[in-house]
Amino acid sequence: MNPLATFVEDTFRAIWSRAVRLYYPQRHLIGGFILLLFTVMTVAVVKVYPLSNWDMFAYTAAILEDEIDDSVALHDKAYALMKADLSEGEYLTLTQDREYRIRQAEDPRAFATMMGFYDLKLGYVETARLLAKMTDPVSALRWISILSAAATGVLLMRWLARYKLMGAGPIVVSMLLVCGFGPIAALVTPDLYASFFLLLAFYLYCEKHDIPAALCLLAALFIRPDHLAFIGVFFVFALVYGPRRLVMTACFAAACAAYMFILKDEGHPGWWVHMWFTHVEYVPTLEGFNPPFSPLIYVQMLVRSTVRSLTNQTWVAVLFALAIFHARCINKPAMPERPKVLLYAIFTSIIAKYFVFPHYETRFYFPYLMGMGMILLVARMRQDRGLMS
């Protein structure tokens, strides 16, 4: 090696070793600060530079439904509130940039047929109604996203602190980045709100707080009913492995009853119509729309969603990396039973959810990927300390 290369190598090693000596004694403080700073930064960006999406029109209308019965008045009020909140360019984009949005902006009757997709997020809508007593409905929706982002960051810090792993804060920040935490927080949807309750349920279950964990799962279900898929898979694994079968059985039964009530009471158009609307065509109105089930079209949906997942989303790569990490880096026989049950249930539910309804966006898998990541991170670090058993 030439003298210049030797100098560069020696300089790099000296700087690195010095940085490690300075970092290691303060790693818990620094790691916790990095995670806290990232959470605060995300919340600040979401608050100062809010994003908007078309779903906000429907959710705003859902908040107002208990006050306004007439579909035309409801449509006009929701659009007026959104117009007051958005810039002129944003409002124009969300109402005029494609045929579907133009029809929704101009036809209250067509808009009303879409409400079944949104009314069934009861927990989200009711929380927004509660906050709307202190502010306007659009701001209430934004505040749910902001508070959900803050609560998720605090929960992850608590999870690390419980196992004296605050030094892993930068790793958790990296996980949040690859799982799209920032964009999910900025998006005004129920996803992050439900994700908080799912992550809290995962944490509480690992801590043997089964009843609070079950209640958190039910809360997530009321916010996004499609989380029933995880609750069902989790129930099966809990039944097989044994930790608190009775509580998880009661949770699953309550979730099924709640799911049936929500679908019946809120007028959801049904699984296949929803699939078609999401993956085939944004039809301008659901009135009289009832396409027959087609196995060929279903396969096309799976293929199309898989391609989109692989080309512009991260969840498949993250899931694959977590599976490899579990296979190569975790002493599975020594892993405590509860995290193991939860880990298997999460992985299986991701696969099951995808085949039942092939969402391609990472935001739908965020809580499951972060849950797996936290479980594996804790397991690996405890394994390194000899604390797995």
Protein backbone atom coordinates (compact mmCIF):
# COMPACT_ATOMS: atom_id res chain seq x y z
CA MET A 1 0.00 0.00 0.00
CA ASN A 2 1.41 3.41 -0.93
CA PRO A 3 2.11 6.03 1.78
CA LEU A 4 -0.87 8.18 0.83
CA ALA A 5 -3.29 5.24 1.05
CA THR A 6 -1.74 4.24 4.39
CA PHE A 7 -2.22 7.78 5.68
CA VAL A 8 -5.88 7.79 4.62
CA GLU A 9 -6.52 4.40 6.24
CA ASP A 10 -4.77 5.35 9.48
CA THR A 11 -6.61 8.67 9.63
CA PHE A 12 -9.97 7.01 9.10
CA ARG A 13 -9.29 4.39 11.79
CA ALA A 14 -8.13 7.04 14.26
CA ILE A 15 -11.24 9.17 13.69
CA TRP A 16 -13.53 6.15 13.87
CA SER A 17 -12.00 4.75 17.06
CA ARG A 18 -12.13 8.17 18.70
CA ALA A 19 -15.78 8.62 17.71
CA VAL A 20 -16.64 5.17 19.10
CA ARG A 21 -14.89 5.93 22.40
CA LEU A 22 -16.84 9.16 22.72
CA TYR A 23 -20.16 7.67 21.59
CA TYR A 24 -20.27 4.39 23.48
CA PRO A 25 -20.51 5.69 27.08
CA GLN A 26 -23.31 8.08 26.01
CA ARG A 27 -25.00 5.80 23.46
CA HIS A 28 -28.32 5.58 25.32
CA LEU A 29 -28.61 9.34 25.69
CA ILE A 30 -27.52 10.01 22.11
CA GLY A 31 -29.71 7.24 20.65
CA GLY A 32 -32.77 8.43 22.53
CA PHE A 33 -32.11 12.01 21.48
CA ILE A 34 -31.82 11.02 17.81
CA LEU A 35 -35.16 9.17 17.91
CA LEU A 36 -36.80 12.07 19.76
CA LEU A 37 -35.35 14.61 17.34
CA PHE A 38 -36.57 12.60 14.35
CA THR A 39 -40.07 12.37 15.83
CA VAL A 40 -40.19 16.10 16.58
CA MET A 41 -38.85 16.90 13.11
CA THR A 42 -41.51 14.71 11.46
CA VAL A 43 -44.30 16.28 13.51
CA ALA A 44 -43.01 19.78 12.74
CA VAL A 45 -42.81 19.12 9.00
CA VAL A 46 -46.34 17.67 8.96
CA LYS A 47 -47.63 20.72 10.87
CA VAL A 48 -45.76 23.41 8.93
CA TYR A 49 -45.95 21.82 5.47
CA PRO A 50 -49.23 19.86 5.44
CA LEU A 51 -50.11 17.67 2.49
CA SER A 52 -53.61 17.10 1.17
CA ASN A 53 -55.36 14.24 -0.61
CA TRP A 54 -58.80 13.65 -2.10
CA ASP A 55 -59.90 11.36 0.73
CA MET A 56 -60.05 14.43 2.97
CA PHE A 57 -63.22 15.54 1.15
CA ALA A 58 -64.96 12.28 2.04
CA TYR A 59 -63.70 12.20 5.63
CA THR A 60 -64.77 15.81 6.13
CA ALA A 61 -68.23 14.87 4.88
CA ALA A 62 -68.28 11.85 7.21
CA ILE A 63 -67.60 14.16 10.17
CA LEU A 64 -70.52 16.38 9.15
CA GLU A 65 -73.03 13.58 8.53
CA ASP A 66 -74.42 13.69 12.07
CA GLU A 67 -75.30 17.38 11.51
CA ILE A 68 -76.34 17.48 7.85
CA ASP A 69 -78.83 14.98 6.39
CA ASP A 70 -79.20 16.38 2.87
CA SER A 71 -76.62 14.93 0.46
CA VAL A 72 -76.33 18.14 -1.56
CA ALA A 73 -75.82 20.33 1.51
CA LEU A 74 -73.32 17.81 2.90
CA HIS A 75 -71.35 17.80 -0.35
CA ASP A 76 -71.32 21.58 -0.61
CA LYS A 77 -70.26 22.08 3.02
CA ALA A 78 -67.44 19.53 2.80
CA TYR A 79 -66.09 21.08 -0.39
CA ALA A 80 -66.38 24.60 1.04
CA LEU A 81 -64.41 23.62 4.15
CA MET A 82 -61.72 21.98 2.05
CA LYS A 83 -61.51 24.99 -0.27
CA ALA A 84 -60.98 27.26 2.73
CA ASP A 85 -58.14 25.04 3.98
CA LEU A 86 -56.30 24.48 0.71
CA SER A 87 -54.37 26.74 -1.60
CA GLU A 88 -55.97 27.57 -4.92
CA GLY A 89 -53.60 25.21 -6.75
CA GLU A 90 -54.20 22.32 -4.34
CA TYR A 91 -57.96 22.71 -4.57
CA LEU A 92 -57.82 22.82 -8.36
CA THR A 93 -55.70 19.65 -8.44
CA LEU A 94 -58.01 17.75 -6.11
CA THR A 95 -61.18 18.74 -7.96
CA GLN A 96 -60.23 19.09 -11.64
CA ASP A 97 -57.21 16.99 -12.61
CA ARG A 98 -59.07 13.81 -13.63
CA GLU A 99 -62.55 12.70 -14.60
CA TYR A 100 -63.29 11.01 -11.27
CA ARG A 101 -62.48 14.09 -9.20
CA ILE A 102 -64.40 16.38 -11.55
CA ARG A 103 -67.50 14.18 -11.23
CA GLN A 104 -67.25 14.08 -7.43
CA ALA A 105 -66.91 17.86 -7.24
CA GLU A 106 -69.88 18.48 -9.50
CA ASP A 107 -72.28 15.65 -8.60
CA PRO A 108 -73.36 15.37 -4.93
CA ARG A 109 -75.27 12.17 -5.68
CA ALA A 110 -72.16 10.45 -7.08
CA PHE A 111 -70.15 11.73 -4.11
CA ALA A 112 -72.71 10.28 -1.70
CA THR A 113 -72.26 6.79 -3.17
CA MET A 114 -68.59 6.87 -2.13
CA MET A 115 -69.28 7.48 1.54
CA GLY A 116 -69.56 3.77 2.36
CA PHE A 117 -65.79 3.48 1.87
CA TYR A 118 -65.20 6.10 4.57
CA ASP A 119 -68.05 5.83 7.06
CA LEU A 120 -66.86 2.39 8.19
CA LYS A 121 -63.70 3.94 9.76
CA LEU A 122 -65.82 4.66 12.81
CA GLY A 123 -62.99 5.23 15.27
CA TYR A 124 -61.29 7.70 12.96
CA VAL A 125 -64.47 9.61 12.16
CA GLU A 126 -65.62 9.77 15.79
CA THR A 127 -62.22 10.99 16.96
CA ALA A 128 -62.29 13.68 14.28
CA ARG A 129 -65.80 14.69 15.38
CA LEU A 130 -64.54 15.04 18.94
CA LEU A 131 -61.63 17.23 17.86
CA ALA A 132 -63.93 19.19 15.54
CA LYS A 133 -65.67 20.57 18.62
CA MET A 134 -62.47 22.58 19.22
CA THR A 135 -61.53 23.35 15.61
CA ASP A 136 -62.85 22.89 12.09
CA PRO A 137 -63.27 19.35 10.64
CA VAL A 138 -60.34 19.61 8.21
CA SER A 139 -57.97 20.76 10.95
CA ALA A 140 -59.30 17.95 13.16
CA LEU A 141 -58.24 15.40 10.53
CA ARG A 142 -54.79 16.98 10.34
CA TRP A 143 -54.41 16.96 14.12
CA ILE A 144 -55.11 13.22 14.24
CA SER A 145 -52.16 12.64 11.90
CA ILE A 146 -49.91 14.96 13.90
CA LEU A 147 -50.79 13.43 17.27
CA SER A 148 -50.51 9.90 15.87
CA ALA A 149 -46.99 10.63 14.63
CA ALA A 150 -45.96 12.03 18.01
CA ALA A 151 -47.55 9.14 19.93
CA THR A 152 -45.87 6.55 17.70
CA GLY A 153 -42.44 8.09 18.30
CA VAL A 154 -43.01 8.20 22.05
CA LEU A 155 -44.20 4.58 22.08
CA LEU A 156 -41.09 3.39 20.23
CA MET A 157 -38.91 5.28 22.71
CA ARG A 158 -40.74 3.61 25.57
CA TRP A 159 -40.27 0.21 23.93
CA LEU A 160 -36.51 0.76 23.70
CA ALA A 161 -36.29 2.19 27.22
CA ARG A 162 -38.10 -0.84 28.66
CA TYR A 163 -35.23 -3.08 27.53
CA LYS A 164 -32.47 -0.50 28.13
CA LEU A 165 -31.88 -0.24 24.39
CA MET A 166 -32.08 3.50 23.81
CA GLY A 167 -28.72 3.26 22.10
CA ALA A 168 -30.58 1.60 19.23
CA GLY A 169 -32.46 4.82 18.54
CA PRO A 170 -30.64 5.41 15.22
CA ILE A 171 -31.58 1.90 14.10
CA VAL A 172 -35.24 2.59 14.84
CA VAL A 173 -35.02 5.88 12.95
CA SER A 174 -33.61 3.95 9.97
CA MET A 175 -36.51 1.50 10.22
CA LEU A 176 -38.99 4.38 10.28
CA LEU A 177 -37.36 5.88 7.21
CA VAL A 178 -37.48 2.73 5.10
CA CYS A 179 -41.05 2.05 6.23
CA GLY A 180 -42.18 5.50 5.06
CA PHE A 181 -43.05 7.03 8.44
CA GLY A 182 -42.77 10.63 7.20
CA PRO A 183 -45.08 10.26 4.18
CA ILE A 184 -47.57 8.24 6.24
CA ALA A 185 -47.64 10.95 8.90
CA ALA A 186 -48.18 13.63 6.25
CA LEU A 187 -51.00 11.70 4.60
CA VAL A 188 -54.38 12.55 6.11
CA THR A 189 -55.79 9.02 6.45
CA PRO A 190 -56.57 6.64 9.35
CA ASP A 191 -53.44 4.55 8.69
CA LEU A 192 -51.03 6.01 11.24
CA TYR A 193 -53.77 6.39 13.85
CA ALA A 194 -54.56 2.67 13.60
CA SER A 195 -50.83 1.86 13.43
CA PHE A 196 -50.26 3.44 16.83
CA PHE A 197 -52.84 1.17 18.46
CA LEU A 198 -51.45 -1.91 16.71
CA LEU A 199 -47.90 -1.13 17.83
CA LEU A 200 -49.16 -0.47 21.34
CA ALA A 201 -50.97 -3.83 21.28
CA PHE A 202 -47.75 -5.56 20.19
CA TYR A 203 -45.81 -3.95 23.02
CA LEU A 204 -48.45 -4.69 25.66
CA TYR A 205 -48.75 -8.32 24.57
CA CYS A 206 -44.99 -8.81 24.88
CA GLU A 207 -45.25 -7.27 28.35
CA LYS A 208 -48.03 -9.74 29.32
CA HIS A 209 -50.74 -7.08 29.51
CA ASP A 210 -53.23 -9.12 27.54
CA ILE A 211 -56.50 -7.32 28.18
CA PRO A 212 -55.12 -3.85 27.33
CA ALA A 213 -53.48 -5.40 24.25
CA ALA A 214 -56.82 -6.87 23.16
CA LEU A 215 -58.55 -3.50 23.66
CA CYS A 216 -55.90 -1.82 21.52
CA LEU A 217 -56.48 -4.37 18.77
CA LEU A 218 -60.19 -3.60 18.87
CA ALA A 219 -59.44 0.12 18.72
CA ALA A 220 -57.31 -0.45 15.60
CA LEU A 221 -60.17 -2.47 14.10
CA PHE A 222 -62.66 0.36 14.59
CA ILE A 223 -60.23 2.78 12.98
CA ARG A 224 -59.44 0.47 10.03
CA PRO A 225 -61.68 -2.65 9.90
CA ASP A 226 -59.31 -4.50 7.57
CA HIS A 227 -57.04 -5.16 10.56
CA LEU A 228 -59.44 -8.00 11.36
CA ALA A 229 -57.11 -10.13 9.21
CA PHE A 230 -54.29 -9.74 11.72
CA ILE A 231 -56.58 -10.29 14.71
CA GLY A 232 -57.78 -13.56 13.16
CA VAL A 233 -54.27 -14.83 12.39
CA PHE A 234 -53.04 -13.74 15.82
CA PHE A 235 -55.89 -15.64 17.45
CA VAL A 236 -54.87 -18.83 15.61
CA PHE A 237 -51.23 -18.58 16.70
CA ALA A 238 -52.20 -17.74 20.28
CA LEU A 239 -54.49 -20.77 20.25
CA VAL A 240 -51.69 -23.03 18.98
CA TYR A 241 -48.94 -21.75 21.28
CA GLY A 242 -51.06 -21.07 24.32
CA PRO A 243 -50.36 -17.62 25.85
CA ARG A 244 -53.73 -16.40 27.13
CA ARG A 245 -55.93 -18.29 24.71
CA LEU A 246 -59.11 -17.11 26.45
CA VAL A 247 -58.34 -13.40 26.10
CA MET A 248 -57.37 -13.69 22.43
CA THR A 249 -60.43 -15.85 21.72
CA ALA A 250 -62.68 -13.21 23.28
CA CYS A 251 -60.85 -10.51 21.32
CA PHE A 252 -61.34 -12.35 18.04
CA ALA A 253 -65.04 -12.98 18.75
CA ALA A 254 -65.58 -9.32 19.64
CA ALA A 255 -63.67 -8.23 16.53
CA CYS A 256 -65.80 -10.43 14.26
CA ALA A 257 -68.99 -9.09 15.79
CA ALA A 258 -67.77 -5.52 15.47
CA TYR A 259 -66.71 -6.09 11.88
CA MET A 260 -70.12 -7.44 10.89
CA PHE A 261 -71.83 -4.54 12.65
CA ILE A 262 -69.64 -1.97 10.90
CA LEU A 263 -70.14 -3.43 7.43
CA LYS A 264 -73.89 -3.77 7.87
CA ASP A 265 -74.50 -0.43 9.53
CA GLU A 266 -72.21 1.75 7.41
CA GLY A 267 -73.27 0.57 3.96
CA HIS A 268 -69.96 -0.66 2.64
CA PRO A 269 -70.38 -1.73 -1.03
CA GLY A 270 -68.60 -5.05 -0.49
CA TRP A 271 -65.20 -6.68 -0.94
CA TRP A 272 -65.27 -7.20 -4.70
CA VAL A 273 -66.63 -3.75 -5.51
CA HIS A 274 -63.96 -2.23 -3.28
CA MET A 275 -61.29 -4.35 -4.98
CA TRP A 276 -62.50 -3.32 -8.42
CA PHE A 277 -62.67 0.33 -7.47
CA THR A 278 -59.13 0.27 -6.07
CA HIS A 279 -57.35 -1.89 -8.62
CA VAL A 280 -59.33 -1.71 -11.86
CA GLU A 281 -61.19 1.58 -12.24
CA TYR A 282 -62.23 4.61 -10.21
CA VAL A 283 -65.82 4.51 -11.36
CA PRO A 284 -67.52 7.93 -10.98
CA THR A 285 -70.50 6.53 -9.07
CA LEU A 286 -71.26 3.27 -7.28
CA GLU A 287 -74.97 3.56 -7.95
CA GLY A 288 -75.97 0.35 -9.73
CA PHE A 289 -72.33 -0.75 -9.95
CA ASN A 290 -71.97 -4.48 -9.22
CA PRO A 291 -69.36 -6.20 -11.45
CA PRO A 292 -69.35 -10.02 -11.33
CA PHE A 293 -66.43 -11.74 -9.66
CA SER A 294 -63.71 -12.83 -12.11
CA PRO A 295 -60.76 -15.07 -11.09
CA LEU A 296 -58.82 -13.73 -14.08
CA ILE A 297 -59.27 -10.12 -13.02
CA TYR A 298 -58.37 -11.05 -9.45
CA VAL A 299 -55.07 -12.57 -10.68
CA GLN A 300 -54.45 -9.45 -12.75
CA MET A 301 -54.96 -7.35 -9.60
CA LEU A 302 -52.37 -9.45 -7.76
CA VAL A 303 -49.85 -9.17 -10.59
CA ARG A 304 -50.38 -5.43 -11.00
CA SER A 305 -50.09 -4.77 -7.26
CA THR A 306 -46.97 -6.92 -7.00
CA VAL A 307 -45.28 -5.03 -9.81
CA ARG A 308 -46.16 -1.68 -8.24
CA SER A 309 -44.95 -2.90 -4.85
CA LEU A 310 -41.61 -3.92 -6.29
CA THR A 311 -41.06 -0.86 -8.46
CA ASN A 312 -42.01 2.09 -6.26
CA GLN A 313 -42.64 0.84 -2.71
CA THR A 314 -40.40 -0.55 0.04
CA TRP A 315 -42.51 -2.98 2.04
CA VAL A 316 -41.53 -6.13 0.13
CA ALA A 317 -37.82 -5.37 0.52
CA VAL A 318 -38.24 -4.59 4.22
CA LEU A 319 -40.22 -7.77 4.83
CA PHE A 320 -37.60 -9.83 3.00
CA ALA A 321 -34.77 -8.22 4.98
CA LEU A 322 -36.56 -8.87 8.28
CA ALA A 323 -37.16 -12.51 7.33
CA ILE A 324 -33.47 -12.99 6.47
CA PHE A 325 -32.43 -11.28 9.70
CA HIS A 326 -34.72 -13.58 11.66
CA ALA A 327 -33.38 -16.66 9.90
CA ARG A 328 -29.68 -15.80 10.18
CA CYS A 329 -29.30 -13.68 13.32
CA ILE A 330 -31.85 -14.87 15.88
CA ASN A 331 -31.51 -17.88 18.16
CA LYS A 332 -35.09 -19.01 17.67
CA PRO A 333 -35.27 -21.79 20.31
CA ALA A 334 -34.14 -19.30 22.97
CA MET A 335 -36.61 -16.61 21.91
CA PRO A 336 -39.40 -15.97 24.47
CA GLU A 337 -42.74 -17.41 23.47
CA ARG A 338 -44.80 -14.25 23.32
CA PRO A 339 -42.55 -12.32 20.90
CA LYS A 340 -42.27 -15.50 18.83
CA VAL A 341 -46.06 -15.92 18.61
CA LEU A 342 -46.46 -12.26 17.70
CA LEU A 343 -43.68 -12.39 15.12
CA TYR A 344 -45.17 -15.42 13.34
CA ALA A 345 -48.65 -13.92 13.44
CA ILE A 346 -47.50 -10.61 11.96
CA PHE A 347 -45.58 -12.25 9.12
CA THR A 348 -48.44 -14.59 8.26
CA SER A 349 -51.03 -11.82 8.42
CA ILE A 350 -49.07 -9.66 5.95
CA ILE A 351 -49.18 -12.51 3.43
CA ALA A 352 -52.84 -13.23 4.18
CA LYS A 353 -53.87 -9.57 3.91
CA TYR A 354 -52.10 -9.26 0.60
CA PHE A 355 -53.97 -12.16 -0.97
CA VAL A 356 -57.31 -11.03 0.46
CA PHE A 357 -56.82 -7.42 -0.66
CA PRO A 358 -53.53 -6.74 -2.49
CA HIS A 359 -52.63 -3.25 -1.32
CA TYR A 360 -49.35 -2.23 -2.87
CA GLU A 361 -48.56 0.84 -0.73
CA THR A 362 -46.13 0.52 2.18
CA ARG A 363 -48.43 2.55 4.46
CA PHE A 364 -50.79 -0.41 4.79
CA TYR A 365 -47.99 -2.59 6.19
CA PHE A 366 -46.23 0.03 8.32
CA PRO A 367 -47.33 -1.19 11.78
CA TYR A 368 -46.59 -4.82 10.95
CA LEU A 369 -43.12 -4.09 9.58
CA MET A 370 -42.25 -1.85 12.53
CA GLY A 371 -43.64 -4.43 14.95
CA MET A 372 -41.50 -7.16 13.43
CA GLY A 373 -38.49 -4.85 13.42
CA MET A 374 -38.87 -3.93 17.10
CA ILE A 375 -39.37 -7.56 18.16
CA LEU A 376 -36.30 -8.71 16.22
CA LEU A 377 -34.19 -5.77 17.40
CA VAL A 378 -34.99 -6.46 21.05
CA ALA A 379 -34.44 -10.20 20.56
CA ARG A 380 -31.05 -9.74 18.93
CA MET A 381 -29.74 -7.28 21.49
CA ARG A 382 -30.96 -9.37 24.41
CA GLN A 383 -29.41 -12.39 22.73
CA ASP A 384 -26.07 -10.55 22.55
CA ARG A 385 -26.38 -9.85 26.28
CA GLY A 386 -27.26 -13.46 27.04
CA LEU A 387 -30.75 -12.49 28.23
CA MET A 388 -32.93 -14.35 25.73
CA SER A 389 -34.17 -17.05 28.07
